[in-house]
Amino acid sequence: MDTSRFTKLENLAMSDKKQIRIVKKGEKTRPIVKAKAASARETARDMVETVTNWVTEFQQKRRVETTNALRMISKTPRGSEA
């Protein structure tokens, strides 16, 4: 039998084990503390910030493209000037 194959199967079986907690009669269970979820206001603020950044990037890209196009047009001679 291939030992590396056996080790892989053993590791797979070990990773499937769940933790068991015994609660005795009369003992109160500890409440599960959840990570504080972002409030709706914070989520909305993040979304607005993301969209604002997209719009700003788009506008900057458009300005650069327009500037480059105007430079190219100004450097090319017109038919009447040639």
N, C-alpha and C. Protein backbone atom coordinates (compact mmCIF):
# COMPACT_ATOMS: atom_id res chain seq x y z
N MET A 1 0.84 -1.19 0.00
CA MET A 1 0.00 0.00 0.00
C MET A 1 0.88 1.24 0.00
N ASP A 2 0.50 2.20 -0.78
CA ASP A 2 1.24 3.45 -0.91
C ASP A 2 1.02 4.29 0.35
N THR A 3 2.10 4.64 1.05
CA THR A 3 1.97 5.37 2.32
C THR A 3 1.50 6.80 2.10
N SER A 4 1.90 7.42 0.99
CA SER A 4 1.47 8.80 0.74
C SER A 4 -0.04 8.86 0.52
N ARG A 5 -0.59 7.84 -0.14
CA ARG A 5 -2.03 7.79 -0.35
C ARG A 5 -2.75 7.61 0.98
N PHE A 6 -2.21 6.76 1.85
CA PHE A 6 -2.81 6.53 3.16
C PHE A 6 -2.78 7.80 4.00
N THR A 7 -1.68 8.55 3.93
CA THR A 7 -1.55 9.80 4.68
C THR A 7 -2.58 10.82 4.21
N LYS A 8 -2.80 10.91 2.90
CA LYS A 8 -3.78 11.84 2.36
C LYS A 8 -5.18 11.49 2.84
N LEU A 9 -5.50 10.20 2.85
CA LEU A 9 -6.82 9.78 3.32
C LEU A 9 -6.98 10.06 4.80
N GLU A 10 -5.91 9.83 5.56
CA GLU A 10 -5.96 10.08 7.00
C GLU A 10 -6.16 11.57 7.28
N ASN A 11 -5.44 12.43 6.54
CA ASN A 11 -5.59 13.87 6.72
C ASN A 11 -6.99 14.33 6.33
N LEU A 12 -7.54 13.75 5.29
CA LEU A 12 -8.88 14.10 4.86
C LEU A 12 -9.89 13.72 5.94
N ALA A 13 -9.74 12.54 6.52
CA ALA A 13 -10.65 12.09 7.57
C ALA A 13 -10.53 12.97 8.80
N MET A 14 -9.33 13.41 9.13
CA MET A 14 -9.13 14.23 10.32
C MET A 14 -9.73 15.62 10.13
N SER A 15 -9.71 16.13 8.92
CA SER A 15 -10.22 17.47 8.70
C SER A 15 -11.75 17.51 8.77
N ASP A 16 -12.41 16.36 8.64
CA ASP A 16 -13.87 16.31 8.69
C ASP A 16 -14.41 16.26 10.12
N LYS A 17 -13.54 16.13 11.10
CA LYS A 17 -13.99 16.02 12.49
C LYS A 17 -14.54 17.36 12.97
N LYS A 18 -15.65 17.30 13.66
CA LYS A 18 -16.27 18.50 14.20
C LYS A 18 -15.99 18.57 15.70
N GLN A 19 -15.98 19.78 16.21
CA GLN A 19 -15.75 19.96 17.64
C GLN A 19 -17.07 19.73 18.38
N ILE A 20 -17.00 18.95 19.43
CA ILE A 20 -18.20 18.64 20.21
C ILE A 20 -18.06 19.32 21.57
N ARG A 21 -19.11 19.98 21.99
CA ARG A 21 -19.12 20.65 23.29
C ARG A 21 -20.24 20.06 24.12
N ILE A 22 -19.92 19.65 25.32
CA ILE A 22 -20.91 19.04 26.20
C ILE A 22 -21.46 20.12 27.11
N VAL A 23 -22.80 20.22 27.16
CA VAL A 23 -23.47 21.19 28.01
C VAL A 23 -24.20 20.41 29.10
N LYS A 24 -23.83 20.68 30.33
CA LYS A 24 -24.45 19.97 31.45
C LYS A 24 -25.78 20.62 31.79
N LYS A 25 -26.64 19.85 32.41
CA LYS A 25 -27.96 20.34 32.79
C LYS A 25 -27.79 21.52 33.75
N GLY A 26 -28.49 22.60 33.48
CA GLY A 26 -28.41 23.78 34.32
C GLY A 26 -27.33 24.75 33.91
N GLU A 27 -26.41 24.32 33.10
CA GLU A 27 -25.34 25.21 32.66
C GLU A 27 -25.84 26.05 31.48
N LYS A 28 -25.63 27.34 31.56
CA LYS A 28 -26.06 28.22 30.49
C LYS A 28 -25.03 28.18 29.36
N THR A 29 -25.54 28.14 28.17
CA THR A 29 -24.63 28.18 27.03
C THR A 29 -24.19 29.62 26.80
N ARG A 30 -22.97 29.76 26.38
CA ARG A 30 -22.45 31.09 26.08
C ARG A 30 -23.03 31.57 24.77
N PRO A 31 -23.49 32.81 24.73
CA PRO A 31 -24.02 33.32 23.46
C PRO A 31 -22.90 33.43 22.44
N ILE A 32 -23.23 33.15 21.22
CA ILE A 32 -22.26 33.26 20.14
C ILE A 32 -22.13 34.73 19.77
N VAL A 33 -20.91 35.23 19.83
CA VAL A 33 -20.65 36.63 19.52
C VAL A 33 -20.37 36.72 18.03
N LYS A 34 -21.23 37.45 17.35
CA LYS A 34 -21.06 37.64 15.91
C LYS A 34 -20.28 38.93 15.68
N ALA A 35 -19.51 38.92 14.62
CA ALA A 35 -18.80 40.14 14.25
C ALA A 35 -19.84 41.18 13.86
N LYS A 36 -19.60 42.40 14.30
CA LYS A 36 -20.57 43.45 14.03
C LYS A 36 -20.64 43.71 12.52
N ALA A 37 -21.81 43.53 11.99
CA ALA A 37 -22.00 43.75 10.56
C ALA A 37 -22.00 45.25 10.28
N ALA A 38 -21.55 45.59 9.10
CA ALA A 38 -21.54 46.99 8.72
C ALA A 38 -22.98 47.49 8.64
N SER A 39 -23.19 48.66 9.14
CA SER A 39 -24.54 49.22 9.11
C SER A 39 -24.92 49.56 7.67
N ALA A 40 -26.19 49.75 7.45
CA ALA A 40 -26.68 50.09 6.11
C ALA A 40 -26.07 51.40 5.64
N ARG A 41 -25.90 52.33 6.56
CA ARG A 41 -25.33 53.63 6.20
C ARG A 41 -23.88 53.47 5.73
N GLU A 42 -23.09 52.64 6.44
CA GLU A 42 -21.70 52.43 6.05
C GLU A 42 -21.61 51.72 4.70
N THR A 43 -22.48 50.75 4.50
CA THR A 43 -22.50 50.03 3.23
C THR A 43 -22.84 50.97 2.08
N ALA A 44 -23.85 51.80 2.29
CA ALA A 44 -24.24 52.77 1.26
C ALA A 44 -23.10 53.75 0.99
N ARG A 45 -22.43 54.19 2.04
CA ARG A 45 -21.31 55.12 1.88
C ARG A 45 -20.19 54.49 1.05
N ASP A 46 -19.90 53.20 1.30
CA ASP A 46 -18.87 52.51 0.53
C ASP A 46 -19.27 52.39 -0.93
N MET A 47 -20.53 52.09 -1.18
CA MET A 47 -21.00 51.97 -2.56
C MET A 47 -20.90 53.31 -3.29
N VAL A 48 -21.28 54.38 -2.63
CA VAL A 48 -21.22 55.72 -3.24
C VAL A 48 -19.76 56.08 -3.52
N GLU A 49 -18.88 55.77 -2.59
CA GLU A 49 -17.47 56.08 -2.78
C GLU A 49 -16.90 55.32 -3.99
N THR A 50 -17.28 54.05 -4.13
CA THR A 50 -16.81 53.25 -5.25
C THR A 50 -17.27 53.82 -6.58
N VAL A 51 -18.55 54.14 -6.67
CA VAL A 51 -19.09 54.70 -7.92
C VAL A 51 -18.47 56.05 -8.21
N THR A 52 -18.27 56.86 -7.19
CA THR A 52 -17.64 58.17 -7.37
C THR A 52 -16.23 58.01 -7.94
N ASN A 53 -15.50 57.03 -7.42
CA ASN A 53 -14.15 56.78 -7.92
C ASN A 53 -14.19 56.34 -9.39
N TRP A 54 -15.15 55.51 -9.75
CA TRP A 54 -15.29 55.08 -11.14
C TRP A 54 -15.55 56.27 -12.05
N VAL A 55 -16.46 57.14 -11.64
CA VAL A 55 -16.80 58.31 -12.46
C VAL A 55 -15.58 59.21 -12.60
N THR A 56 -14.86 59.43 -11.52
CA THR A 56 -13.67 60.29 -11.57
C THR A 56 -12.63 59.71 -12.52
N GLU A 57 -12.40 58.39 -12.43
CA GLU A 57 -11.43 57.75 -13.32
C GLU A 57 -11.87 57.88 -14.78
N PHE A 58 -13.16 57.68 -15.04
CA PHE A 58 -13.68 57.80 -16.40
C PHE A 58 -13.48 59.21 -16.94
N GLN A 59 -13.78 60.21 -16.11
CA GLN A 59 -13.63 61.60 -16.54
C GLN A 59 -12.17 61.94 -16.83
N GLN A 60 -11.27 61.47 -15.98
CA GLN A 60 -9.85 61.74 -16.20
C GLN A 60 -9.37 61.10 -17.49
N LYS A 61 -9.79 59.87 -17.73
CA LYS A 61 -9.40 59.17 -18.95
C LYS A 61 -9.93 59.90 -20.17
N ARG A 62 -11.17 60.37 -20.08
CA ARG A 62 -11.78 61.08 -21.20
C ARG A 62 -11.06 62.40 -21.48
N ARG A 63 -10.66 63.10 -20.42
CA ARG A 63 -9.93 64.36 -20.60
C ARG A 63 -8.60 64.13 -21.30
N VAL A 64 -7.88 63.09 -20.87
CA VAL A 64 -6.58 62.79 -21.48
C VAL A 64 -6.75 62.44 -22.95
N GLU A 65 -7.77 61.61 -23.25
CA GLU A 65 -8.01 61.24 -24.64
C GLU A 65 -8.39 62.45 -25.49
N THR A 66 -9.20 63.34 -24.94
CA THR A 66 -9.60 64.55 -25.67
C THR A 66 -8.39 65.44 -25.91
N THR A 67 -7.55 65.62 -24.91
CA THR A 67 -6.35 66.44 -25.04
C THR A 67 -5.44 65.88 -26.11
N ASN A 68 -5.24 64.56 -26.09
CA ASN A 68 -4.37 63.94 -27.10
C ASN A 68 -4.96 64.09 -28.51
N ALA A 69 -6.26 63.94 -28.62
CA ALA A 69 -6.90 64.10 -29.93
C ALA A 69 -6.76 65.52 -30.45
N LEU A 70 -6.94 66.51 -29.58
CA LEU A 70 -6.79 67.91 -29.99
C LEU A 70 -5.35 68.22 -30.41
N ARG A 71 -4.38 67.64 -29.73
CA ARG A 71 -2.99 67.84 -30.10
C ARG A 71 -2.70 67.25 -31.47
N MET A 72 -3.25 66.06 -31.72
CA MET A 72 -3.04 65.42 -33.03
C MET A 72 -3.67 66.24 -34.15
N ILE A 73 -4.85 66.76 -33.88
CA ILE A 73 -5.56 67.56 -34.90
C ILE A 73 -4.79 68.86 -35.18
N SER A 74 -4.27 69.48 -34.13
CA SER A 74 -3.56 70.76 -34.31
C SER A 74 -2.24 70.57 -35.03
N LYS A 75 -1.62 69.41 -34.96
CA LYS A 75 -0.33 69.17 -35.60
C LYS A 75 -0.47 68.75 -37.07
N THR A 76 -1.60 68.18 -37.44
CA THR A 76 -1.75 67.75 -38.83
C THR A 76 -2.13 68.94 -39.69
N PRO A 77 -1.49 69.08 -40.84
CA PRO A 77 -1.82 70.22 -41.73
C PRO A 77 -3.18 70.01 -42.39
N ARG A 78 -3.88 71.09 -42.56
CA ARG A 78 -5.17 71.03 -43.22
C ARG A 78 -4.95 71.02 -44.72
N GLY A 79 -5.91 70.57 -45.47
CA GLY A 79 -5.78 70.49 -46.93
C GLY A 79 -5.53 71.83 -47.57
N SER A 80 -6.12 72.86 -47.05
CA SER A 80 -5.96 74.20 -47.64
C SER A 80 -4.59 74.80 -47.28
N GLU A 81 -3.97 74.32 -46.21
CA GLU A 81 -2.69 74.87 -45.77
C GLU A 81 -1.50 74.15 -46.41
N ALA A 82 -1.72 73.00 -46.98
CA ALA A 82 -0.61 72.20 -47.52
C ALA A 82 -0.02 72.76 -48.78
